[in-house]
């Protein structure tokens, strides 16, 4: 069992910045891919960014150059730095991690409960 707790969401004006954090706890032997997705009202959940265990990252096109994903493996924490926020970035943001409970166990994906980001003037 793995628990993810997100924080850092809130209300921000267009052009502003927020930094989301996601702390993982529980039965974690190793963490593979980590990332963030978001879901706006009436829309499907979409991938925002992800980071693999070898350090590579990729972003949705509309986030490139504005969002940065990072991870602190020692703290089992994932971050999402969001700059130059736009009205259309308003959504609930969910973090996810793909992890293993032991060296021989299969990996599985866990999700956080979500944190609201509202961009409004």
PDB file of N, CA and C in Angstrom:
ATOM      1  N   UNK A   1       0.849  -1.195   0.000  1.00  0.00           N
ATOM      2  CA  UNK A   1       0.000   0.000   0.000  1.00  0.00           C
ATOM      3  C   UNK A   1       0.882   1.241   0.000  1.00  0.00           C
ATOM      4  N   UNK A   2       0.567   2.137  -0.906  1.00  0.00           N
ATOM      5  CA  UNK A   2       1.318   3.388  -1.018  1.00  0.00           C
ATOM      6  C   UNK A   2       0.335   4.548  -0.931  1.00  0.00           C
ATOM      7  N   UNK A   3       0.679   5.536  -0.131  1.00  0.00           N
ATOM      8  CA  UNK A   3      -0.157   6.719  -0.012  1.00  0.00           C
ATOM      9  C   UNK A   3       0.582   7.922  -0.593  1.00  0.00           C
ATOM     10  N   UNK A   4      -0.163   8.742  -1.307  1.00  0.00           N
ATOM     11  CA  UNK A   4       0.391   9.963  -1.879  1.00  0.00           C
ATOM     12  C   UNK A   4      -0.393  11.146  -1.331  1.00  0.00           C
ATOM     13  N   UNK A   5       0.329  12.144  -0.886  1.00  0.00           N
ATOM     14  CA  UNK A   5      -0.312  13.353  -0.364  1.00  0.00           C
ATOM     15  C   UNK A   5       0.222  14.552  -1.126  1.00  0.00           C
ATOM     16  N   UNK A   6      -0.682  15.232  -1.802  1.00  0.00           N
ATOM     17  CA  UNK A   6      -0.311  16.406  -2.583  1.00  0.00           C
ATOM     18  C   UNK A   6      -0.561  17.673  -1.783  1.00  0.00           C
ATOM     19  N   UNK A   7       0.180  18.701  -2.102  1.00  0.00           N
ATOM     20  CA  UNK A   7      -0.018  20.009  -1.483  1.00  0.00           C
ATOM     21  C   UNK A   7       0.497  21.079  -2.438  1.00  0.00           C
ATOM     22  N   UNK A   8       0.141  22.320  -2.127  1.00  0.00           N
ATOM     23  CA  UNK A   8       0.660  23.431  -2.904  1.00  0.00           C
ATOM     24  C   UNK A   8      -0.323  24.076  -3.850  1.00  0.00           C
ATOM     25  N   UNK A   9      -1.498  23.478  -3.991  1.00  0.00           N
ATOM     26  CA  UNK A   9      -2.494  24.079  -4.861  1.00  0.00           C
ATOM     27  C   UNK A   9      -3.072  25.344  -4.255  1.00  0.00           C
ATOM     28  N   UNK A  10      -3.850  26.051  -5.053  1.00  0.00           N
ATOM     29  CA  UNK A  10      -4.465  27.271  -4.547  1.00  0.00           C
ATOM     30  C   UNK A  10      -4.937  28.161  -5.663  1.00  0.00           C
ATOM     31  N   UNK A  11      -5.210  29.400  -5.295  1.00  0.00           N
ATOM     32  CA  UNK A  11      -5.688  30.410  -6.232  1.00  0.00           C
ATOM     33  C   UNK A  11      -4.529  31.319  -6.625  1.00  0.00           C
ATOM     34  N   UNK A  12      -4.365  31.532  -7.909  1.00  0.00           N
ATOM     35  CA  UNK A  12      -3.285  32.373  -8.398  1.00  0.00           C
ATOM     36  C   UNK A  12      -3.781  33.169  -9.595  1.00  0.00           C
ATOM     37  N   UNK A  13      -3.213  34.330  -9.787  1.00  0.00           N
ATOM     38  CA  UNK A  13      -3.580  35.162 -10.938  1.00  0.00           C
ATOM     39  C   UNK A  13      -2.853  34.682 -12.193  1.00  0.00           C
ATOM     40  N   UNK A  14      -3.416  34.978 -13.344  1.00  0.00           N
ATOM     41  CA  UNK A  14      -2.703  34.633 -14.595  1.00  0.00           C
ATOM     42  C   UNK A  14      -1.298  35.219 -14.598  1.00  0.00           C
ATOM     43  N   UNK A  15      -0.357  34.415 -15.057  1.00  0.00           N
ATOM     44  CA  UNK A  15       1.039  34.813 -15.042  1.00  0.00           C
ATOM     45  C   UNK A  15       1.774  34.451 -13.766  1.00  0.00           C
ATOM     46  N   UNK A  16       1.045  34.008 -12.772  1.00  0.00           N
ATOM     47  CA  UNK A  16       1.655  33.650 -11.496  1.00  0.00           C
ATOM     48  C   UNK A  16       2.253  32.259 -11.503  1.00  0.00           C
ATOM     49  N   UNK A  17       2.759  31.859 -10.339  1.00  0.00           N
ATOM     50  CA  UNK A  17       3.445  30.578 -10.196  1.00  0.00           C
ATOM     51  C   UNK A  17       2.922  29.829  -8.979  1.00  0.00           C
ATOM     52  N   UNK A  18       3.008  28.533  -9.061  1.00  0.00           N
ATOM     53  CA  UNK A  18       2.718  27.648  -7.941  1.00  0.00           C
ATOM     54  C   UNK A  18       3.685  26.474  -8.000  1.00  0.00           C
ATOM     55  N   UNK A  19       3.950  25.913  -6.843  1.00  0.00           N
ATOM     56  CA  UNK A  19       4.769  24.711  -6.775  1.00  0.00           C
ATOM     57  C   UNK A  19       3.993  23.631  -6.050  1.00  0.00           C
ATOM     58  N   UNK A  20       3.702  22.560  -6.742  1.00  0.00           N
ATOM     59  CA  UNK A  20       2.996  21.433  -6.146  1.00  0.00           C
ATOM     60  C   UNK A  20       4.007  20.421  -5.619  1.00  0.00           C
ATOM     61  N   UNK A  21       3.646  19.789  -4.519  1.00  0.00           N
ATOM     62  CA  UNK A  21       4.473  18.727  -3.940  1.00  0.00           C
ATOM     63  C   UNK A  21       3.627  17.482  -3.756  1.00  0.00           C
ATOM     64  N   UNK A  22       4.266  16.350  -3.830  1.00  0.00           N
ATOM     65  CA  UNK A  22       3.590  15.065  -3.634  1.00  0.00           C
ATOM     66  C   UNK A  22       4.544  14.157  -2.876  1.00  0.00           C
ATOM     67  N   UNK A  23       4.142  13.778  -1.678  1.00  0.00           N
ATOM     68  CA  UNK A  23       4.965  12.920  -0.836  1.00  0.00           C
ATOM     69  C   UNK A  23       4.373  11.523  -0.801  1.00  0.00           C
ATOM     70  N   UNK A  24       5.201  10.553  -1.092  1.00  0.00           N
ATOM     71  CA  UNK A  24       4.768   9.158  -1.085  1.00  0.00           C
ATOM     72  C   UNK A  24       5.243   8.463   0.190  1.00  0.00           C
ATOM     73  N   UNK A  25       4.384   7.627   0.731  1.00  0.00           N
ATOM     74  CA  UNK A  25       4.745   6.864   1.924  1.00  0.00           C
ATOM     75  C   UNK A  25       4.119   5.488   1.831  1.00  0.00           C
ATOM     76  N   UNK A  26       4.597   4.602   2.686  1.00  0.00           N
ATOM     77  CA  UNK A  26       4.060   3.246   2.690  1.00  0.00           C
ATOM     78  C   UNK A  26       5.123   2.244   2.285  1.00  0.00           C
ATOM     79  N   UNK A  27       4.660   1.184   1.653  1.00  0.00           N
ATOM     80  CA  UNK A  27       5.553   0.085   1.280  1.00  0.00           C
ATOM     81  C   UNK A  27       6.213   0.390  -0.064  1.00  0.00           C
ATOM     82  N   UNK A  28       7.374   1.031   0.012  1.00  0.00           N
ATOM     83  CA  UNK A  28       8.082   1.444  -1.202  1.00  0.00           C
ATOM     84  C   UNK A  28       9.493   0.885  -1.180  1.00  0.00           C
ATOM     85  N   UNK A  29       9.806   0.041  -2.141  1.00  0.00           N
ATOM     86  CA  UNK A  29      11.171  -0.455  -2.313  1.00  0.00           C
ATOM     87  C   UNK A  29      11.912   0.411  -3.328  1.00  0.00           C
ATOM     88  N   UNK A  30      11.227   0.722  -4.417  1.00  0.00           N
ATOM     89  CA  UNK A  30      11.826   1.572  -5.444  1.00  0.00           C
ATOM     90  C   UNK A  30      10.710   2.293  -6.194  1.00  0.00           C
ATOM     91  N   UNK A  31      11.065   3.439  -6.730  1.00  0.00           N
ATOM     92  CA  UNK A  31      10.112   4.235  -7.506  1.00  0.00           C
ATOM     93  C   UNK A  31      10.614   4.341  -8.929  1.00  0.00           C
ATOM     94  N   UNK A  32       9.762   4.073  -9.869  1.00  0.00           N
ATOM     95  CA  UNK A  32      10.113   4.168 -11.282  1.00  0.00           C
ATOM     96  C   UNK A  32       9.634   5.518 -11.830  1.00  0.00           C
ATOM     97  N   UNK A  33       8.632   5.484 -12.642  1.00  0.00           N
ATOM     98  CA  UNK A  33       8.107   6.711 -13.222  1.00  0.00           C
ATOM     99  C   UNK A  33       7.228   7.453 -12.222  1.00  0.00           C
ATOM    100  N   UNK A  34       7.382   8.772 -12.201  1.00  0.00           N
ATOM    101  CA  UNK A  34       6.506   9.622 -11.399  1.00  0.00           C
ATOM    102  C   UNK A  34       5.940  10.690 -12.319  1.00  0.00           C
ATOM    103  N   UNK A  35       4.842  11.289 -11.905  1.00  0.00           N
ATOM    104  CA  UNK A  35       4.281  12.305 -12.781  1.00  0.00           C
ATOM    105  C   UNK A  35       3.074  13.002 -12.205  1.00  0.00           C
ATOM    106  N   UNK A  36       2.536  13.872 -13.026  1.00  0.00           N
ATOM    107  CA  UNK A  36       1.348  14.650 -12.686  1.00  0.00           C
ATOM    108  C   UNK A  36       0.368  14.599 -13.853  1.00  0.00           C
ATOM    109  N   UNK A  37      -0.882  14.486 -13.504  1.00  0.00           N
ATOM    110  CA  UNK A  37      -1.967  14.625 -14.469  1.00  0.00           C
ATOM    111  C   UNK A  37      -2.925  15.670 -13.930  1.00  0.00           C
ATOM    112  N   UNK A  38      -3.822  16.114 -14.769  1.00  0.00           N
ATOM    113  CA  UNK A  38      -4.815  17.078 -14.301  1.00  0.00           C
ATOM    114  C   UNK A  38      -6.150  16.823 -14.974  1.00  0.00           C
ATOM    115  N   UNK A  39      -7.182  17.288 -14.296  1.00  0.00           N
ATOM    116  CA  UNK A  39      -8.530  17.143 -14.847  1.00  0.00           C
ATOM    117  C   UNK A  39      -9.306  18.417 -14.588  1.00  0.00           C
ATOM    118  N   UNK A  40      -9.708  19.047 -15.674  1.00  0.00           N
ATOM    119  CA  UNK A  40     -10.531  20.245 -15.594  1.00  0.00           C
ATOM    120  C   UNK A  40     -12.004  19.843 -15.618  1.00  0.00           C
ATOM    121  N   UNK A  41     -12.874  20.691 -15.106  1.00  0.00           N
ATOM    122  CA  UNK A  41     -14.306  20.359 -15.097  1.00  0.00           C
ATOM    123  C   UNK A  41     -14.817  20.038 -16.493  1.00  0.00           C
ATOM    124  N   UNK A  42     -15.492  18.906 -16.608  1.00  0.00           N
ATOM    125  CA  UNK A  42     -16.075  18.522 -17.881  1.00  0.00           C
ATOM    126  C   UNK A  42     -15.095  17.975 -18.896  1.00  0.00           C
ATOM    127  N   UNK A  43     -13.844  17.801 -18.479  1.00  0.00           N
ATOM    128  CA  UNK A  43     -12.840  17.301 -19.411  1.00  0.00           C
ATOM    129  C   UNK A  43     -12.209  16.018 -18.892  1.00  0.00           C
ATOM    130  N   UNK A  44     -11.578  15.302 -19.791  1.00  0.00           N
ATOM    131  CA  UNK A  44     -10.895  14.075 -19.403  1.00  0.00           C
ATOM    132  C   UNK A  44      -9.564  14.413 -18.720  1.00  0.00           C
ATOM    133  N   UNK A  45      -9.119  13.477 -17.902  1.00  0.00           N
ATOM    134  CA  UNK A  45      -7.816  13.662 -17.267  1.00  0.00           C
ATOM    135  C   UNK A  45      -6.731  13.603 -18.337  1.00  0.00           C
ATOM    136  N   UNK A  46      -5.752  14.503 -18.221  1.00  0.00           N
ATOM    137  CA  UNK A  46      -4.665  14.546 -19.187  1.00  0.00           C
ATOM    138  C   UNK A  46      -3.324  14.525 -18.466  1.00  0.00           C
ATOM    139  N   UNK A  47      -2.346  13.943 -19.111  1.00  0.00           N
ATOM    140  CA  UNK A  47      -0.998  13.924 -18.568  1.00  0.00           C
ATOM    141  C   UNK A  47      -0.398  15.318 -18.651  1.00  0.00           C
ATOM    142  N   UNK A  48       0.221  15.748 -17.566  1.00  0.00           N
ATOM    143  CA  UNK A  48       0.907  17.039 -17.527  1.00  0.00           C
ATOM    144  C   UNK A  48       2.407  16.836 -17.741  1.00  0.00           C
ATOM    145  N   UNK A  49       2.991  15.975 -16.946  1.00  0.00           N
ATOM    146  CA  UNK A  49       4.437  15.746 -17.020  1.00  0.00           C
ATOM    147  C   UNK A  49       4.764  14.435 -16.327  1.00  0.00           C
ATOM    148  N   UNK A  50       5.887  13.846 -16.719  1.00  0.00           N
ATOM    149  CA  UNK A  50       6.349  12.649 -16.041  1.00  0.00           C
ATOM    150  C   UNK A  50       7.862  12.588 -16.086  1.00  0.00           C
ATOM    151  N   UNK A  51       8.390  11.839 -15.132  1.00  0.00           N
ATOM    152  CA  UNK A  51       9.834  11.693 -15.006  1.00  0.00           C
ATOM    153  C   UNK A  51      10.129  10.222 -14.774  1.00  0.00           C
ATOM    154  N   UNK A  52      11.003   9.661 -15.564  1.00  0.00           N
ATOM    155  CA  UNK A  52      11.351   8.258 -15.410  1.00  0.00           C
ATOM    156  C   UNK A  52      12.533   8.095 -14.458  1.00  0.00           C
ATOM    157  N   UNK A  53      12.817   6.872 -14.090  1.00  0.00           N
ATOM    158  CA  UNK A  53      13.876   6.609 -13.121  1.00  0.00           C
ATOM    159  C   UNK A  53      15.257   6.949 -13.663  1.00  0.00           C
ATOM    160  N   UNK A  54      15.411   7.018 -14.970  1.00  0.00           N
ATOM    161  CA  UNK A  54      16.718   7.378 -15.541  1.00  0.00           C
ATOM    162  C   UNK A  54      16.877   8.875 -15.701  1.00  0.00           C
ATOM    163  N   UNK A  55      15.872   9.622 -15.226  1.00  0.00           N
ATOM    164  CA  UNK A  55      15.986  11.071 -15.232  1.00  0.00           C
ATOM    165  C   UNK A  55      15.365  11.773 -16.418  1.00  0.00           C
ATOM    166  N   UNK A  56      14.876  11.038 -17.377  1.00  0.00           N
ATOM    167  CA  UNK A  56      14.259  11.689 -18.524  1.00  0.00           C
ATOM    168  C   UNK A  56      12.877  12.216 -18.156  1.00  0.00           C
ATOM    169  N   UNK A  57      12.480  13.266 -18.811  1.00  0.00           N
ATOM    170  CA  UNK A  57      11.175  13.893 -18.539  1.00  0.00           C
ATOM    171  C   UNK A  57      10.456  14.174 -19.853  1.00  0.00           C
ATOM    172  N   UNK A  58       9.169  14.217 -19.776  1.00  0.00           N
ATOM    173  CA  UNK A  58       8.401  14.706 -20.919  1.00  0.00           C
ATOM    174  C   UNK A  58       7.158  15.419 -20.425  1.00  0.00           C
ATOM    175  N   UNK A  59       6.677  16.321 -21.256  1.00  0.00           N
ATOM    176  CA  UNK A  59       5.603  17.228 -20.898  1.00  0.00           C
ATOM    177  C   UNK A  59       4.558  17.274 -22.008  1.00  0.00           C
ATOM    178  N   UNK A  60       3.344  17.576 -21.601  1.00  0.00           N
ATOM    179  CA  UNK A  60       2.329  17.880 -22.589  1.00  0.00           C
ATOM    180  C   UNK A  60       2.749  19.159 -23.303  1.00  0.00           C
ATOM    181  N   UNK A  61       2.390  19.258 -24.565  1.00  0.00           N
ATOM    182  CA  UNK A  61       2.852  20.378 -25.380  1.00  0.00           C
ATOM    183  C   UNK A  61       2.522  21.734 -24.755  1.00  0.00           C
ATOM    184  N   UNK A  62       1.347  21.872 -24.195  1.00  0.00           N
ATOM    185  CA  UNK A  62       0.927  23.180 -23.674  1.00  0.00           C
ATOM    186  C   UNK A  62       1.648  23.559 -22.380  1.00  0.00           C
ATOM    187  N   UNK A  63       2.374  22.626 -21.780  1.00  0.00           N
ATOM    188  CA  UNK A  63       3.105  22.894 -20.547  1.00  0.00           C
ATOM    189  C   UNK A  63       4.595  23.091 -20.775  1.00  0.00           C
ATOM    190  N   UNK A  64       5.076  22.724 -21.937  1.00  0.00           N
ATOM    191  CA  UNK A  64       6.507  22.827 -22.189  1.00  0.00           C
ATOM    192  C   UNK A  64       6.977  24.270 -22.042  1.00  0.00           C
ATOM    193  N   UNK A  65       8.066  24.433 -21.319  1.00  0.00           N
ATOM    194  CA  UNK A  65       8.614  25.761 -21.108  1.00  0.00           C
ATOM    195  C   UNK A  65       8.007  26.510 -19.939  1.00  0.00           C
ATOM    196  N   UNK A  66       6.893  26.013 -19.419  1.00  0.00           N
ATOM    197  CA  UNK A  66       6.247  26.675 -18.282  1.00  0.00           C
ATOM    198  C   UNK A  66       6.286  25.817 -17.022  1.00  0.00           C
ATOM    199  N   UNK A  67       6.170  24.501 -17.189  1.00  0.00           N
ATOM    200  CA  UNK A  67       6.134  23.588 -16.054  1.00  0.00           C
ATOM    201  C   UNK A  67       7.437  22.794 -15.991  1.00  0.00           C
ATOM    202  N   UNK A  68       7.848  22.478 -14.776  1.00  0.00           N
ATOM    203  CA  UNK A  68       9.035  21.665 -14.574  1.00  0.00           C
ATOM    204  C   UNK A  68       8.754  20.617 -13.506  1.00  0.00           C
ATOM    205  N   UNK A  69       8.969  19.362 -13.872  1.00  0.00           N
ATOM    206  CA  UNK A  69       8.807  18.278 -12.905  1.00  0.00           C
ATOM    207  C   UNK A  69      10.174  17.911 -12.346  1.00  0.00           C
ATOM    208  N   UNK A  70      10.210  17.637 -11.065  1.00  0.00           N
ATOM    209  CA  UNK A  70      11.446  17.193 -10.443  1.00  0.00           C
ATOM    210  C   UNK A  70      11.117  16.194  -9.344  1.00  0.00           C
ATOM    211  N   UNK A  71      12.130  15.493  -8.877  1.00  0.00           N
ATOM    212  CA  UNK A  71      11.897  14.465  -7.869  1.00  0.00           C
ATOM    213  C   UNK A  71      13.054  14.434  -6.901  1.00  0.00           C
ATOM    214  N   UNK A  72      12.746  14.101  -5.670  1.00  0.00           N
ATOM    215  CA  UNK A  72      13.755  13.886  -4.647  1.00  0.00           C
ATOM    216  C   UNK A  72      13.561  12.450  -4.176  1.00  0.00           C
ATOM    217  N   UNK A  73      14.351  11.554  -4.714  1.00  0.00           N
ATOM    218  CA  UNK A  73      14.160  10.141  -4.418  1.00  0.00           C
ATOM    219  C   UNK A  73      14.398   9.820  -2.944  1.00  0.00           C
ATOM    220  N   UNK A  74      15.286  10.537  -2.325  1.00  0.00           N
ATOM    221  CA  UNK A  74      15.570  10.288  -0.910  1.00  0.00           C
ATOM    222  C   UNK A  74      14.365  10.612  -0.031  1.00  0.00           C
ATOM    223  N   UNK A  75      13.560  11.551  -0.490  1.00  0.00           N
ATOM    224  CA  UNK A  75      12.383  11.965   0.275  1.00  0.00           C
ATOM    225  C   UNK A  75      11.089  11.405  -0.303  1.00  0.00           C
ATOM    226  N   UNK A  76      11.190  10.584  -1.330  1.00  0.00           N
ATOM    227  CA  UNK A  76      10.000  10.045  -2.002  1.00  0.00           C
ATOM    228  C   UNK A  76       9.024  11.167  -2.359  1.00  0.00           C
ATOM    229  N   UNK A  77       9.564  12.225  -2.909  1.00  0.00           N
ATOM    230  CA  UNK A  77       8.762  13.416  -3.184  1.00  0.00           C
ATOM    231  C   UNK A  77       8.900  13.822  -4.643  1.00  0.00           C
ATOM    232  N   UNK A  78       7.776  14.241  -5.198  1.00  0.00           N
ATOM    233  CA  UNK A  78       7.725  14.731  -6.573  1.00  0.00           C
ATOM    234  C   UNK A  78       7.226  16.166  -6.540  1.00  0.00           C
ATOM    235  N   UNK A  79       7.798  16.999  -7.368  1.00  0.00           N
ATOM    236  CA  UNK A  79       7.413  18.402  -7.429  1.00  0.00           C
ATOM    237  C   UNK A  79       6.960  18.756  -8.835  1.00  0.00           C
ATOM    238  N   UNK A  80       6.119  19.768  -8.892  1.00  0.00           N
ATOM    239  CA  UNK A  80       5.747  20.352 -10.172  1.00  0.00           C
ATOM    240  C   UNK A  80       5.778  21.870 -10.014  1.00  0.00           C
ATOM    241  N   UNK A  81       6.764  22.474 -10.621  1.00  0.00           N
ATOM    242  CA  UNK A  81       6.865  23.927 -10.624  1.00  0.00           C
ATOM    243  C   UNK A  81       6.103  24.448 -11.826  1.00  0.00           C
ATOM    244  N   UNK A  82       5.135  25.306 -11.552  1.00  0.00           N
ATOM    245  CA  UNK A  82       4.281  25.830 -12.626  1.00  0.00           C
ATOM    246  C   UNK A  82       4.448  27.335 -12.694  1.00  0.00           C
ATOM    247  N   UNK A  83       4.936  27.808 -13.813  1.00  0.00           N
ATOM    248  CA  UNK A  83       5.144  29.240 -14.021  1.00  0.00           C
ATOM    249  C   UNK A  83       4.251  29.743 -15.146  1.00  0.00           C
ATOM    250  N   UNK A  84       4.081  31.053 -15.173  1.00  0.00           N
ATOM    251  CA  UNK A  84       3.269  31.684 -16.220  1.00  0.00           C
ATOM    252  C   UNK A  84       1.925  30.965 -16.378  1.00  0.00           C
ATOM    253  N   UNK A  85       1.248  30.808 -15.279  1.00  0.00           N
ATOM    254  CA  UNK A  85      -0.015  30.071 -15.301  1.00  0.00           C
ATOM    255  C   UNK A  85      -1.073  30.807 -16.099  1.00  0.00           C
ATOM    256  N   UNK A  86      -1.905  30.032 -16.763  1.00  0.00           N
ATOM    257  CA  UNK A  86      -2.957  30.566 -17.610  1.00  0.00           C
ATOM    258  C   UNK A  86      -4.323  30.118 -17.083  1.00  0.00           C
ATOM    259  N   UNK A  87      -5.351  30.819 -17.526  1.00  0.00           N
ATOM    260  CA  UNK A  87      -6.699  30.474 -17.080  1.00  0.00           C
ATOM    261  C   UNK A  87      -7.009  29.003 -17.352  1.00  0.00           C
ATOM    262  N   UNK A  88      -6.526  28.516 -18.481  1.00  0.00           N
ATOM    263  CA  UNK A  88      -6.824  27.131 -18.871  1.00  0.00           C
ATOM    264  C   UNK A  88      -6.048  26.090 -18.082  1.00  0.00           C
ATOM    265  N   UNK A  89      -5.187  26.525 -17.209  1.00  0.00           N
ATOM    266  CA  UNK A  89      -4.485  25.586 -16.330  1.00  0.00           C
ATOM    267  C   UNK A  89      -5.319  25.225 -15.102  1.00  0.00           C
ATOM    268  N   UNK A  90      -6.449  25.880 -14.941  1.00  0.00           N
ATOM    269  CA  UNK A  90      -7.330  25.568 -13.821  1.00  0.00           C
ATOM    270  C   UNK A  90      -7.803  24.124 -13.902  1.00  0.00           C
ATOM    271  N   UNK A  91      -7.548  23.383 -12.853  1.00  0.00           N
ATOM    272  CA  UNK A  91      -7.890  21.952 -12.835  1.00  0.00           C
ATOM    273  C   UNK A  91      -7.527  21.377 -11.473  1.00  0.00           C
ATOM    274  N   UNK A  92      -7.942  20.146 -11.268  1.00  0.00           N
ATOM    275  CA  UNK A  92      -7.434  19.368 -10.135  1.00  0.00           C
ATOM    276  C   UNK A  92      -6.210  18.609 -10.629  1.00  0.00           C
ATOM    277  N   UNK A  93      -5.124  18.749  -9.904  1.00  0.00           N
ATOM    278  CA  UNK A  93      -3.867  18.121 -10.287  1.00  0.00           C
ATOM    279  C   UNK A  93      -3.617  16.889  -9.410  1.00  0.00           C
ATOM    280  N   UNK A  94      -3.300  15.795 -10.073  1.00  0.00           N
ATOM    281  CA  UNK A  94      -3.069  14.524  -9.388  1.00  0.00           C
ATOM    282  C   UNK A  94      -1.638  14.059  -9.641  1.00  0.00           C
ATOM    283  N   UNK A  95      -0.978  13.644  -8.590  1.00  0.00           N
ATOM    284  CA  UNK A  95       0.328  13.037  -8.805  1.00  0.00           C
ATOM    285  C   UNK A  95       0.172  11.518  -8.866  1.00  0.00           C
ATOM    286  N   UNK A  96       1.120  10.876  -9.494  1.00  0.00           N
ATOM    287  CA  UNK A  96       1.134   9.414  -9.553  1.00  0.00           C
ATOM    288  C   UNK A  96       2.569   8.922  -9.487  1.00  0.00           C
ATOM    289  N   UNK A  97       2.718   7.745  -8.943  1.00  0.00           N
ATOM    290  CA  UNK A  97       4.034   7.107  -8.944  1.00  0.00           C
ATOM    291  C   UNK A  97       3.861   5.646  -9.318  1.00  0.00           C
ATOM    292  N   UNK A  98       4.843   5.123  -9.994  1.00  0.00           N
ATOM    293  CA  UNK A  98       4.902   3.698 -10.309  1.00  0.00           C
ATOM    294  C   UNK A  98       6.020   3.117  -9.453  1.00  0.00           C
ATOM    295  N   UNK A  99       5.689   2.218  -8.571  1.00  0.00           N
ATOM    296  CA  UNK A  99       6.671   1.753  -7.598  1.00  0.00           C
ATOM    297  C   UNK A  99       6.585   0.247  -7.396  1.00  0.00           C
ATOM    298  N   UNK A 100       7.566  -0.255  -6.658  1.00  0.00           N
ATOM    299  CA  UNK A 100       7.607  -1.673  -6.304  1.00  0.00           C
ATOM    300  C   UNK A 100       7.746  -1.795  -4.796  1.00  0.00           C
ATOM    301  N   UNK A 101       7.186  -2.853  -4.258  1.00  0.00           N
ATOM    302  CA  UNK A 101       7.291  -3.086  -2.813  1.00  0.00           C
ATOM    303  C   UNK A 101       8.497  -3.944  -2.457  1.00  0.00           C
ATOM    304  N   UNK A 102       9.075  -4.607  -3.450  1.00  0.00           N
ATOM    305  CA  UNK A 102      10.285  -5.398  -3.234  1.00  0.00           C
ATOM    306  C   UNK A 102      10.990  -5.549  -4.575  1.00  0.00           C
ATOM    307  N   UNK A 103      12.181  -6.106  -4.536  1.00  0.00           N
ATOM    308  CA  UNK A 103      12.963  -6.235  -5.775  1.00  0.00           C
ATOM    309  C   UNK A 103      12.245  -7.133  -6.783  1.00  0.00           C
ATOM    310  N   UNK A 104      11.553  -8.142  -6.295  1.00  0.00           N
ATOM    311  CA  UNK A 104      10.945  -9.125  -7.197  1.00  0.00           C
ATOM    312  C   UNK A 104       9.460  -8.867  -7.461  1.00  0.00           C
ATOM    313  N   UNK A 105       8.887  -7.914  -6.790  1.00  0.00           N
ATOM    314  CA  UNK A 105       7.450  -7.680  -6.963  1.00  0.00           C
ATOM    315  C   UNK A 105       7.181  -6.894  -8.241  1.00  0.00           C
ATOM    316  N   UNK A 106       5.995  -7.036  -8.777  1.00  0.00           N
ATOM    317  CA  UNK A 106       5.653  -6.233  -9.951  1.00  0.00           C
ATOM    318  C   UNK A 106       5.430  -4.780  -9.545  1.00  0.00           C
ATOM    319  N   UNK A 107       5.623  -3.893 -10.480  1.00  0.00           N
ATOM    320  CA  UNK A 107       5.383  -2.488 -10.184  1.00  0.00           C
ATOM    321  C   UNK A 107       3.904  -2.160 -10.347  1.00  0.00           C
ATOM    322  N   UNK A 108       3.462  -1.129  -9.658  1.00  0.00           N
ATOM    323  CA  UNK A 108       2.074  -0.703  -9.769  1.00  0.00           C
ATOM    324  C   UNK A 108       2.023   0.807  -9.611  1.00  0.00           C
ATOM    325  N   UNK A 109       0.926   1.385 -10.048  1.00  0.00           N
ATOM    326  CA  UNK A 109       0.775   2.835 -10.017  1.00  0.00           C
ATOM    327  C   UNK A 109      -0.200   3.257  -8.926  1.00  0.00           C
ATOM    328  N   UNK A 110       0.209   4.242  -8.179  1.00  0.00           N
ATOM    329  CA  UNK A 110      -0.627   4.819  -7.127  1.00  0.00           C
ATOM    330  C   UNK A 110      -0.917   6.277  -7.468  1.00  0.00           C
ATOM    331  N   UNK A 111      -2.075   6.747  -7.014  1.00  0.00           N
ATOM    332  CA  UNK A 111      -2.514   8.109  -7.311  1.00  0.00           C
ATOM    333  C   UNK A 111      -2.807   8.869  -6.025  1.00  0.00           C
ATOM    334  N   UNK A 112      -2.544  10.162  -6.071  1.00  0.00           N
ATOM    335  CA  UNK A 112      -2.917  11.032  -4.971  1.00  0.00           C
ATOM    336  C   UNK A 112      -4.367  11.431  -5.062  1.00  0.00           C
ATOM    337  N   UNK A 113      -4.804  12.174  -4.045  1.00  0.00           N
ATOM    338  CA  UNK A 113      -6.207  12.545  -3.980  1.00  0.00           C
ATOM    339  C   UNK A 113      -6.524  13.804  -4.788  1.00  0.00           C
ATOM    340  N   UNK A 114      -5.501  14.495  -5.213  1.00  0.00           N
ATOM    341  CA  UNK A 114      -5.688  15.679  -6.038  1.00  0.00           C
ATOM    342  C   UNK A 114      -5.600  16.969  -5.253  1.00  0.00           C
ATOM    343  N   UNK A 115      -5.127  18.003  -5.913  1.00  0.00           N
ATOM    344  CA  UNK A 115      -5.069  19.334  -5.311  1.00  0.00           C
ATOM    345  C   UNK A 115      -5.577  20.336  -6.342  1.00  0.00           C
ATOM    346  N   UNK A 116      -6.422  21.239  -5.890  1.00  0.00           N
ATOM    347  CA  UNK A 116      -7.060  22.184  -6.801  1.00  0.00           C
ATOM    348  C   UNK A 116      -6.128  23.346  -7.117  1.00  0.00           C
ATOM    349  N   UNK A 117      -6.012  23.626  -8.402  1.00  0.00           N
ATOM    350  CA  UNK A 117      -5.301  24.822  -8.869  1.00  0.00           C
ATOM    351  C   UNK A 117      -6.300  25.677  -9.634  1.00  0.00           C
ATOM    352  N   UNK A 118      -6.468  26.905  -9.193  1.00  0.00           N
ATOM    353  CA  UNK A 118      -7.395  27.822  -9.838  1.00  0.00           C
ATOM    354  C   UNK A 118      -6.642  29.063 -10.282  1.00  0.00           C
ATOM    355  N   UNK A 119      -6.707  29.328 -11.568  1.00  0.00           N
ATOM    356  CA  UNK A 119      -6.063  30.513 -12.126  1.00  0.00           C
ATOM    357  C   UNK A 119      -7.171  31.488 -12.508  1.00  0.00           C
ATOM    358  N   UNK A 120      -7.180  32.624 -11.832  1.00  0.00           N
ATOM    359  CA  UNK A 120      -8.264  33.577 -12.044  1.00  0.00           C
ATOM    360  C   UNK A 120      -7.798  34.982 -11.711  1.00  0.00           C
ATOM    361  N   UNK A 121      -8.310  35.937 -12.448  1.00  0.00           N
ATOM    362  CA  UNK A 121      -7.992  37.328 -12.151  1.00  0.00           C
ATOM    363  C   UNK A 121      -9.065  37.936 -11.241  1.00  0.00           C
TER     364      UNK A 121
END
